């Protein structure tokens, strides 16, 4: 058997495995997104709203728009340690399409 034939055989055997139900397989193929406008992130009400939404679900990806992230608010306060956070805030001294990424 060639390596590619072995891979196909392995995939076929896995797909016929009764250990995973079709519902579990379907859920494993889903990605849960959360999209939120993060503008005015320094506002206690906004921070609480976003934190509660994030903590009440197990989102795979969180997309924040119009961040204008206030540097006094640490991402861990909102997201905990469960996410990699990339910020691309606008720098008004540069062109509107220039972004500075931070982790």
Protein backbone atom coordinates (compact mmCIF):
# COMPACT_ATOMS: atom_id res chain seq x y z
CA UNK A 1 0.00 0.00 0.00
CA UNK A 2 1.29 3.49 -0.82
CA UNK A 3 1.29 6.23 1.84
CA UNK A 4 -1.69 7.94 0.18
CA UNK A 5 -3.64 4.66 0.11
CA UNK A 6 -2.84 4.16 3.80
CA UNK A 7 -4.12 7.67 4.56
CA UNK A 8 -7.38 7.01 2.69
CA UNK A 9 -7.77 3.69 4.50
CA UNK A 10 -7.21 5.42 7.86
CA UNK A 11 -9.72 8.17 7.02
CA UNK A 12 -12.30 5.60 5.92
CA UNK A 13 -11.83 3.65 9.14
CA UNK A 14 -12.18 6.81 11.23
CA UNK A 15 -15.32 7.93 9.44
CA UNK A 16 -16.96 4.56 10.17
CA UNK A 17 -16.03 4.65 13.87
CA UNK A 18 -19.15 4.39 16.06
CA UNK A 19 -17.47 6.29 18.94
CA UNK A 20 -18.51 9.71 17.61
CA UNK A 21 -22.19 10.41 17.05
CA UNK A 22 -23.26 12.44 14.04
CA UNK A 23 -24.37 15.27 16.37
CA UNK A 24 -20.96 15.34 18.07
CA UNK A 25 -19.24 15.30 14.68
CA UNK A 26 -21.43 18.17 13.48
CA UNK A 27 -20.64 20.21 16.62
CA UNK A 28 -16.92 19.51 16.19
CA UNK A 29 -17.11 21.08 12.73
CA UNK A 30 -18.74 24.31 13.95
CA UNK A 31 -16.88 27.50 14.84
CA UNK A 32 -18.59 29.87 17.25
CA UNK A 33 -18.00 33.57 16.44
CA UNK A 34 -18.76 36.64 18.54
CA UNK A 35 -18.78 40.06 16.87
CA UNK A 36 -19.07 43.26 18.90
CA UNK A 37 -18.41 46.97 18.43
CA UNK A 38 -15.76 47.65 21.10
CA UNK A 39 -15.87 51.44 20.79
CA UNK A 40 -15.88 53.31 24.15
CA UNK A 41 -14.16 50.35 25.77
CA UNK A 42 -13.27 52.40 28.85
CA UNK A 43 -16.96 52.68 29.78
CA UNK A 44 -17.71 50.36 32.75
CA UNK A 45 -21.09 49.45 31.24
CA UNK A 46 -19.53 48.48 27.91
CA UNK A 47 -16.78 46.45 29.60
CA UNK A 48 -19.33 44.57 31.73
CA UNK A 49 -21.60 43.89 28.73
CA UNK A 50 -18.77 42.46 26.66
CA UNK A 51 -17.25 40.46 29.53
CA UNK A 52 -20.60 38.85 30.36
CA UNK A 53 -21.24 37.98 26.72
CA UNK A 54 -17.80 36.40 26.37
CA UNK A 55 -17.89 34.53 29.70
CA UNK A 56 -21.36 33.10 29.05
CA UNK A 57 -20.20 31.24 25.92
CA UNK A 58 -17.14 29.38 24.68
CA UNK A 59 -16.42 31.41 21.59
CA UNK A 60 -13.75 30.16 19.21
CA UNK A 61 -13.19 33.57 17.62
CA UNK A 62 -14.06 37.04 18.89
CA UNK A 63 -14.11 39.89 16.40
CA UNK A 64 -14.14 43.44 17.72
CA UNK A 65 -14.84 46.38 15.45
CA UNK A 66 -13.98 50.07 15.92
CA UNK A 67 -11.80 49.18 18.85
CA UNK A 68 -10.10 52.53 19.65
CA UNK A 69 -8.89 50.44 22.58
CA UNK A 70 -8.01 52.51 25.63
CA UNK A 71 -4.53 51.43 26.74
CA UNK A 72 -5.56 51.64 30.41
CA UNK A 73 -7.89 48.66 29.84
CA UNK A 74 -5.90 45.42 29.74
CA UNK A 75 -7.30 42.76 27.38
CA UNK A 76 -7.10 40.16 30.18
CA UNK A 77 -9.77 42.15 32.04
CA UNK A 78 -12.21 41.41 29.24
CA UNK A 79 -11.07 38.11 27.72
CA UNK A 80 -9.26 36.39 30.59
CA UNK A 81 -6.34 34.21 29.55
CA UNK A 82 -8.31 32.07 27.09
CA UNK A 83 -7.68 34.10 23.94
CA UNK A 84 -4.82 35.50 21.89
CA UNK A 85 -5.60 39.20 21.49
CA UNK A 86 -4.45 41.18 18.47
CA UNK A 87 -5.20 44.89 18.41
CA UNK A 88 -5.04 46.90 15.22
CA UNK A 89 -5.92 50.38 16.43
CA UNK A 90 -5.68 53.31 14.09
CA UNK A 91 -2.76 55.64 14.52
CA UNK A 92 -4.06 59.07 13.58
CA UNK A 93 -0.53 60.24 12.70
CA UNK A 94 -0.41 57.68 9.88
CA UNK A 95 -2.74 56.89 7.03
CA UNK A 96 -6.17 55.49 8.02
CA UNK A 97 -5.19 52.05 6.75
CA UNK A 98 -2.03 51.76 8.86
CA UNK A 99 -2.32 49.53 11.89
CA UNK A 100 -0.13 48.72 14.84
CA UNK A 101 -0.58 45.17 16.09
CA UNK A 102 0.01 44.28 19.72
CA UNK A 103 -0.48 41.10 21.73
